[in-house]
Amino acid sequence: MTSAFTGLQLRSLIKPSGELELSLVSVDTPEPAADEVVVRVQATPLNPSDIGLLFGAADLSTASLLGSGTQSVMTMKIPQANMKSMAARSNQSMPVGNEGAGVVVAAGKAPLAQALLGKTVAILAGAMYSQYRTVKADSCLVLPSGASAADGASCYVNPLTALGFVETMRHEGHKAIVHTAAASNLGQMLNKICIKDGIDLVNIVRSPAQAAILKNLGASYVVDSSAATFLDDMTAAVVATGATLAFDATGGGKLAGQILTCMEEALNKTAKEYSRYGSVTHKQVYLYGGLDTSPTTFNRSFGMSWGMGGWLVFPYFQKLGSAKLLEMKGRVVAELKTTFASHYAKEISLVEVLSLEAIAAYGARTTGTKYLVNPSL
């Protein structure tokens, strides 16, 4: 029996031959169980984490397109040196897309499910680059009156990541934060949270134009990594704020080590006595992204009290506990069009996700090029 809701879904496949294949397939959406609903997806962002699954370790410069429309197939080559890291997903046709929003078009018999019929909801369900998704009713976040699916498309990953940074700061006993790639949608949200909550935030950006974006939001500390005085500027900002915690979206290169070095220099400026082991104050940098795919390198010029590790929002959710997570979601809904407003360079269809022009733009993962996918187009 054919499902009442059959639609397109974007899939990513890595072949053992070293080729990535992106295509659209027609899938039947499961009928909702009593406690489930069917959502017609109208908006889902192309987050860096989504792009990582979409393209894997493929070389985007090798992209070629076969066919057109819903029959489009995009192929890319994966360097042989990168195939080992892709072994676990070889020959698996994988759906993509962490989060999104849309309208509930069908519901199971349970009262909670029935109450959602016709409502615009946000969901974190995976496989969101699809025209329809069947999900548990209690996993839906009902958007406030007047909010569109586009308004709620990025309700989860960026807002809860930004709130998670602040919660981590408080839990670990730090008093201020350093954040990189800070003019992004996530970075702008973090600034609004910190301004509202009275938290000092040091923003690291990559150009004067990005610095202007944050200063216009009211950011107090913005340092430009393209400036000749970058390290001195960052040290001065860390002295002023006392920041000993950083979240780095770039991941690779020297930046994480430079942040730790500036933190150590800032601490030494106020040290009352010399120690050959450096400051006893712990300095922590969490890598939460991979905008720079080169190796992470650093010179150990920041004493012995330091840490560098990974931070991911989904595992962090599990540590929070349901009560805290519910509180954070409530804040996101209440401040959806202010603190947690997202901005997109362009809205595209599922077919357009596979265009060479679009991939060149959103695949670069640079500030200001975030795309929104509307599978209903």
Protein backbone atom coordinates (compact mmCIF):
# COMPACT_ATOMS: atom_id res chain seq x y z
CA MET A 1 0.00 0.00 0.00
CA THR A 2 1.39 3.41 -0.99
CA SER A 3 1.80 5.97 1.79
CA ALA A 4 -0.43 9.03 1.70
CA PHE A 5 2.75 11.07 2.06
CA THR A 6 5.36 10.14 -0.50
CA GLY A 7 8.08 12.70 -1.08
CA LEU A 8 11.66 13.40 -2.01
CA GLN A 9 14.60 12.90 0.33
CA LEU A 10 18.22 13.94 -0.19
CA ARG A 11 20.73 11.10 0.22
CA SER A 12 24.53 10.95 0.49
CA LEU A 13 26.36 7.79 -0.56
CA ILE A 14 30.07 7.02 -0.42
CA LYS A 15 31.18 4.26 -2.75
CA PRO A 16 34.18 1.99 -2.05
CA SER A 17 35.63 3.27 -5.33
CA GLY A 18 36.25 6.66 -3.67
CA GLU A 19 33.28 8.54 -5.06
CA LEU A 20 30.59 10.53 -3.25
CA GLU A 21 27.12 10.50 -4.80
CA LEU A 22 24.31 12.87 -3.85
CA SER A 23 20.83 12.20 -5.18
CA LEU A 24 17.12 12.64 -4.52
CA VAL A 25 15.04 9.53 -3.87
CA SER A 26 11.32 9.09 -3.48
CA VAL A 27 10.41 7.66 -0.08
CA ASP A 28 7.16 6.64 1.57
CA THR A 29 6.58 8.40 4.88
CA PRO A 30 5.41 5.99 7.59
CA GLU A 31 1.84 6.49 8.77
CA PRO A 32 1.89 8.00 12.26
CA ALA A 33 1.44 5.74 15.26
CA ALA A 34 -0.88 6.93 18.02
CA ASP A 35 1.81 9.17 19.56
CA GLU A 36 3.31 10.42 16.28
CA VAL A 37 2.71 13.15 13.71
CA VAL A 38 3.67 13.72 10.08
CA VAL A 39 5.37 17.06 9.39
CA ARG A 40 5.54 18.62 5.94
CA VAL A 41 9.01 20.14 6.09
CA GLN A 42 9.15 23.75 4.91
CA ALA A 43 12.49 24.96 6.23
CA THR A 44 15.75 23.28 7.25
CA PRO A 45 19.17 24.94 7.52
CA LEU A 46 22.42 23.85 5.94
CA ASN A 47 24.49 23.87 9.14
CA PRO A 48 28.23 23.05 9.07
CA SER A 49 27.44 19.74 10.83
CA ASP A 50 24.98 18.89 8.05
CA ILE A 51 27.48 19.82 5.36
CA GLY A 52 30.01 17.51 7.02
CA LEU A 53 27.68 14.52 6.57
CA LEU A 54 26.48 15.66 3.17
CA PHE A 55 29.94 15.85 1.60
CA GLY A 56 32.02 13.64 3.89
CA ALA A 57 35.68 13.94 2.96
CA ALA A 58 34.97 14.70 -0.70
CA ASP A 59 36.88 17.31 -2.68
CA LEU A 60 34.23 19.88 -3.63
CA SER A 61 36.34 21.14 -6.53
CA THR A 62 35.73 17.82 -8.31
CA ALA A 63 31.92 18.14 -8.25
CA SER A 64 30.06 17.24 -11.43
CA LEU A 65 26.33 17.10 -12.12
CA LEU A 66 24.45 14.52 -14.14
CA GLY A 67 20.77 14.79 -15.05
CA SER A 68 18.43 17.59 -14.08
CA GLY A 69 15.52 18.38 -11.81
CA THR A 70 14.56 15.58 -9.44
CA GLN A 71 16.81 13.23 -11.43
CA SER A 72 19.93 15.26 -10.60
CA VAL A 73 22.91 13.27 -9.36
CA MET A 74 25.97 15.06 -8.00
CA THR A 75 29.29 13.20 -7.83
CA MET A 76 32.60 14.16 -6.21
CA LYS A 77 35.91 12.42 -5.73
CA ILE A 78 37.26 11.54 -2.29
CA PRO A 79 41.06 11.68 -1.99
CA GLN A 80 42.39 8.19 -1.34
CA ALA A 81 44.10 9.40 1.83
CA ASN A 82 40.68 10.32 3.24
CA MET A 83 38.89 7.07 2.43
CA LYS A 84 39.94 5.37 5.65
CA SER A 85 38.01 7.92 7.70
CA MET A 86 34.93 7.23 5.56
CA ALA A 87 35.03 3.41 5.88
CA ALA A 88 32.21 3.24 8.45
CA ARG A 89 29.70 4.78 6.02
CA SER A 90 30.84 3.03 2.83
CA ASN A 91 27.94 1.86 0.64
CA GLN A 92 25.34 3.37 2.98
CA SER A 93 22.83 5.73 1.40
CA MET A 94 22.43 8.25 4.24
CA PRO A 95 19.70 10.86 4.72
CA VAL A 96 20.94 14.29 5.83
CA GLY A 97 19.70 17.26 7.85
CA ASN A 98 19.58 17.57 11.65
CA GLU A 99 16.79 20.06 12.27
CA GLY A 100 14.00 22.01 10.66
CA ALA A 101 10.41 23.14 10.86
CA GLY A 102 7.12 22.67 9.09
CA VAL A 103 3.40 22.07 9.42
CA VAL A 104 1.81 18.98 11.01
CA VAL A 105 -0.36 17.44 8.27
CA ALA A 106 -1.32 14.14 9.93
CA ALA A 107 -1.48 12.87 13.48
CA GLY A 108 -2.00 9.68 15.46
CA LYS A 109 -4.94 9.10 17.78
CA ALA A 110 -3.29 10.27 21.00
CA PRO A 111 -4.59 13.63 22.29
CA LEU A 112 -1.11 15.21 22.23
CA ALA A 113 -0.66 14.24 18.59
CA GLN A 114 -4.13 15.40 17.59
CA ALA A 115 -3.55 18.76 19.29
CA LEU A 116 -0.66 19.44 16.90
CA LEU A 117 -2.65 19.12 13.65
CA GLY A 118 -2.13 22.24 11.55
CA LYS A 119 0.48 23.66 13.93
CA THR A 120 3.88 24.91 12.79
CA VAL A 121 6.53 23.03 14.75
CA ALA A 122 10.30 22.74 14.95
CA ILE A 123 11.90 19.30 15.16
CA LEU A 124 15.33 17.78 15.67
CA ALA A 125 14.82 14.46 13.93
CA GLY A 126 17.55 13.82 11.39
CA ALA A 127 16.80 13.18 7.69
CA MET A 128 15.33 16.68 7.52
CA TYR A 129 16.25 17.25 3.88
CA SER A 130 12.99 15.49 3.15
CA GLN A 131 9.54 16.66 2.14
CA TYR A 132 7.87 14.74 5.00
CA ARG A 133 8.98 13.40 8.37
CA THR A 134 7.15 11.19 10.86
CA VAL A 135 8.19 12.01 14.44
CA LYS A 136 7.04 11.59 18.04
CA ALA A 137 4.51 14.24 19.01
CA ASP A 138 6.32 15.03 22.25
CA SER A 139 9.53 15.83 20.34
CA CYS A 140 7.87 18.74 18.51
CA LEU A 141 8.49 22.31 19.61
CA VAL A 142 5.38 24.35 18.83
CA LEU A 143 6.33 27.74 17.41
CA PRO A 144 4.69 30.88 18.78
CA SER A 145 1.81 32.53 16.97
CA GLY A 146 3.00 34.46 13.95
CA ALA A 147 6.27 32.55 13.62
CA SER A 148 6.98 30.93 10.26
CA ALA A 149 8.76 27.67 9.57
CA ALA A 150 11.77 29.72 8.44
CA ASP A 151 11.76 31.51 11.82
CA GLY A 152 11.90 28.16 13.62
CA ALA A 153 14.14 26.19 11.26
CA SER A 154 17.24 26.72 13.42
CA CYS A 155 15.57 26.34 16.83
CA TYR A 156 17.86 23.61 18.09
CA VAL A 157 21.49 23.36 17.02
CA ASN A 158 22.66 26.99 17.17
CA PRO A 159 20.47 28.28 20.04
CA LEU A 160 21.12 25.30 22.30
CA THR A 161 24.82 25.34 21.41
CA ALA A 162 25.07 29.00 22.42
CA LEU A 163 23.14 28.38 25.63
CA GLY A 164 25.29 25.29 26.22
CA PHE A 165 28.45 27.40 26.02
CA VAL A 166 27.13 29.66 28.77
CA GLU A 167 26.00 26.71 30.88
CA THR A 168 29.45 25.08 30.47
CA MET A 169 31.09 28.33 31.58
CA ARG A 170 29.01 28.45 34.73
CA HIS A 171 29.37 24.76 35.52
CA GLU A 172 33.17 24.79 35.13
CA GLY A 173 33.67 27.97 37.16
CA HIS A 174 34.81 30.38 34.45
CA LYS A 175 33.56 33.97 34.27
CA ALA A 176 33.95 34.93 30.60
CA ILE A 177 34.16 33.30 27.17
CA VAL A 178 36.28 33.57 24.02
CA HIS A 179 34.51 32.56 20.80
CA THR A 180 35.88 32.19 17.26
CA ALA A 181 34.13 32.64 13.90
CA ALA A 182 32.07 34.95 16.06
CA ALA A 183 30.07 36.78 13.37
CA SER A 184 28.18 33.62 12.39
CA ASN A 185 24.48 33.11 13.20
CA LEU A 186 25.61 31.17 16.28
CA GLY A 187 28.09 33.89 17.23
CA GLN A 188 25.46 36.59 16.97
CA MET A 189 23.12 34.56 19.18
CA LEU A 190 25.89 34.09 21.74
CA ASN A 191 26.52 37.83 21.80
CA LYS A 192 22.86 38.59 22.43
CA ILE A 193 22.74 36.02 25.25
CA CYS A 194 25.90 37.36 26.89
CA ILE A 195 24.81 40.99 26.61
CA LYS A 196 21.42 40.14 28.11
CA ASP A 197 22.89 37.95 30.87
CA GLY A 198 25.79 40.29 31.73
CA ILE A 199 28.58 37.92 30.61
CA ASP A 200 31.84 39.20 29.10
CA LEU A 201 32.53 37.72 25.67
CA VAL A 202 35.66 38.06 23.53
CA ASN A 203 34.75 37.70 19.85
CA ILE A 204 37.37 36.60 17.32
CA VAL A 205 36.47 37.43 13.71
CA ARG A 206 38.33 37.25 10.42
CA SER A 207 37.71 40.65 8.82
CA PRO A 208 36.80 44.27 9.61
CA ALA A 209 33.37 43.69 8.02
CA GLN A 210 32.65 40.87 10.46
CA ALA A 211 33.87 43.02 13.35
CA ALA A 212 31.39 45.72 12.32
CA ILE A 213 28.48 43.23 12.44
CA LEU A 214 29.18 42.43 16.09
CA LYS A 215 29.92 46.00 17.14
CA ASN A 216 26.56 46.99 15.69
CA LEU A 217 25.00 44.37 17.97
CA GLY A 218 26.66 45.99 20.96
CA ALA A 219 29.62 43.63 21.43
CA SER A 220 32.27 45.11 23.75
CA TYR A 221 35.26 42.95 22.79
CA VAL A 222 35.89 42.16 19.11
CA VAL A 223 39.34 41.23 17.78
CA ASP A 224 40.20 40.70 14.12
CA SER A 225 42.56 37.82 13.31
CA SER A 226 43.52 39.53 10.03
CA ALA A 227 44.99 42.52 11.90
CA ALA A 228 48.73 42.80 12.49
CA THR A 229 47.99 43.48 16.17
CA PHE A 230 45.70 40.45 16.56
CA LEU A 231 47.57 38.66 19.36
CA ASP A 232 48.13 41.85 21.35
CA ASP A 233 44.48 42.79 20.89
CA MET A 234 43.32 39.38 22.04
CA THR A 235 45.58 39.44 25.10
CA ALA A 236 44.24 42.87 26.03
CA ALA A 237 40.65 41.63 25.72
CA VAL A 238 41.41 38.59 27.86
CA VAL A 239 43.05 40.81 30.50
CA ALA A 240 39.92 43.00 30.55
CA THR A 241 37.48 40.09 30.82
CA GLY A 242 39.45 37.45 32.71
CA ALA A 243 38.34 34.85 30.16
CA THR A 244 39.80 31.38 30.71
CA LEU A 245 37.34 29.42 28.53
CA ALA A 246 37.13 29.38 24.73
CA PHE A 247 34.99 27.68 22.10
CA ASP A 248 36.72 27.35 18.73
CA ALA A 249 34.70 26.73 15.57
CA THR A 250 37.75 26.54 13.30
CA GLY A 251 39.25 23.40 14.85
CA GLY A 252 42.41 23.27 12.74
CA GLY A 253 45.44 25.52 12.46
CA LYS A 254 47.10 27.56 15.22
CA LEU A 255 44.18 29.49 16.65
CA ALA A 256 43.35 27.27 19.64
CA GLY A 257 46.98 27.37 20.79
CA GLN A 258 47.16 31.13 20.26
CA ILE A 259 44.10 31.60 22.48
CA LEU A 260 45.71 29.57 25.28
CA THR A 261 48.93 31.55 24.91
CA CYS A 262 47.06 34.86 25.18
CA MET A 263 45.20 33.59 28.24
CA GLU A 264 48.52 32.65 29.87
CA GLU A 265 50.03 36.04 29.05
CA ALA A 266 46.98 37.76 30.49
CA LEU A 267 47.24 35.76 33.72
CA ASN A 268 50.96 36.45 34.02
CA LYS A 269 50.34 40.19 33.80
CA THR A 270 48.55 40.01 37.15
CA ALA A 271 50.65 37.23 38.75
CA LYS A 272 52.21 38.11 42.09
CA GLU A 273 55.16 35.73 41.73
CA TYR A 274 56.98 33.81 38.99
CA SER A 275 56.45 30.10 38.43
CA ARG A 276 58.40 28.08 35.91
CA TYR A 277 55.28 25.93 35.44
CA GLY A 278 53.16 28.89 34.44
CA SER A 279 49.89 30.08 35.92
CA VAL A 280 48.03 27.65 38.17
CA THR A 281 44.71 28.88 36.75
CA HIS A 282 43.21 26.33 34.37
CA LYS A 283 42.69 27.50 30.82
CA GLN A 284 40.34 25.51 28.56
CA VAL A 285 39.68 25.56 24.83
CA TYR A 286 36.92 23.41 23.35
CA LEU A 287 36.98 22.64 19.62
CA TYR A 288 33.39 22.37 18.45
CA GLY A 289 33.76 22.81 14.68
CA GLY A 290 36.04 22.13 11.76
CA LEU A 291 35.98 25.20 9.53
CA ASP A 292 39.74 24.79 9.17
CA THR A 293 40.40 21.21 8.07
CA SER A 294 44.18 21.40 8.53
CA PRO A 295 45.85 19.73 11.55
CA THR A 296 45.50 21.46 14.92
CA THR A 297 48.96 22.71 15.86
CA PHE A 298 50.25 24.64 18.86
CA ASN A 299 53.39 25.64 20.72
CA ARG A 300 53.21 24.84 24.43
CA SER A 301 53.78 28.36 25.62
CA PHE A 302 50.92 28.42 28.11
CA GLY A 303 52.21 26.64 31.20
CA MET A 304 50.88 23.34 32.52
CA SER A 305 47.35 24.24 33.61
CA TRP A 306 45.41 23.93 30.38
CA GLY A 307 43.11 21.70 28.43
CA MET A 308 42.06 21.26 24.82
CA GLY A 309 39.20 18.97 23.91
CA GLY A 310 36.05 18.48 21.89
CA TRP A 311 32.56 19.81 22.60
CA LEU A 312 29.43 18.63 20.78
CA VAL A 313 25.93 19.86 21.42
CA PHE A 314 24.12 16.49 21.16
CA PRO A 315 26.19 14.67 23.80
CA TYR A 316 25.90 17.82 25.93
CA PHE A 317 22.10 17.57 25.77
CA GLN A 318 22.34 14.18 27.46
CA LYS A 319 24.36 15.60 30.35
CA LEU A 320 21.98 18.47 31.01
CA GLY A 321 18.96 16.55 32.23
CA SER A 322 15.41 16.99 30.98
CA ALA A 323 14.48 19.87 33.31
CA LYS A 324 17.39 22.09 32.21
CA LEU A 325 16.88 21.24 28.55
CA LEU A 326 13.19 22.12 28.82
CA GLU A 327 14.13 25.44 30.41
CA MET A 328 16.53 26.21 27.57
CA LYS A 329 13.96 25.30 24.91
CA GLY A 330 11.46 27.59 26.62
CA ARG A 331 13.89 30.48 26.37
CA VAL A 332 14.47 29.77 22.67
CA VAL A 333 10.74 29.91 21.94
CA ALA A 334 10.26 33.07 24.02
CA GLU A 335 13.15 34.86 22.24
CA LEU A 336 12.78 33.25 18.81
CA LYS A 337 12.62 36.51 16.84
CA THR A 338 15.13 38.43 18.95
CA THR A 339 18.02 36.63 20.64
CA PHE A 340 17.71 33.51 18.50
CA ALA A 341 16.80 35.00 15.15
CA SER A 342 18.69 33.37 12.26
CA HIS A 343 19.67 34.96 8.96
CA TYR A 344 20.13 33.17 5.63
CA ALA A 345 21.83 34.20 2.43
CA LYS A 346 19.31 32.35 0.27
CA GLU A 347 16.38 29.93 0.33
CA ILE A 348 16.70 26.97 -2.04
CA SER A 349 14.80 23.81 -2.96
CA LEU A 350 16.03 20.24 -2.59
CA VAL A 351 16.88 20.20 -6.29
CA GLU A 352 18.89 23.41 -5.95
CA VAL A 353 20.95 21.88 -3.11
CA LEU A 354 22.57 19.81 -5.88
CA SER A 355 23.42 22.73 -8.15
CA LEU A 356 27.09 23.53 -8.72
CA GLU A 357 26.46 27.23 -8.03
CA ALA A 358 24.79 26.58 -4.67
CA ILE A 359 27.43 24.08 -3.54
CA ALA A 360 30.20 26.59 -4.30
CA ALA A 361 28.45 29.09 -2.01
CA TYR A 362 27.18 27.12 0.98
CA GLY A 363 29.96 24.54 0.77
CA ALA A 364 32.51 27.23 1.58
CA ARG A 365 30.98 27.49 5.09
CA THR A 366 31.95 31.13 5.41
CA THR A 367 30.12 33.76 7.45
CA GLY A 368 27.13 35.16 5.56
CA THR A 369 26.67 32.19 3.20
CA LYS A 370 24.31 30.05 5.28
CA TYR A 371 21.52 28.62 3.13
CA LEU A 372 18.00 27.57 4.07
CA VAL A 373 16.47 24.57 2.31
CA ASN A 374 12.72 24.53 1.67
CA PRO A 375 11.84 20.94 0.68
CA SER A 376 8.27 21.97 -0.14
CA LEU A 377 9.40 24.13 -3.08
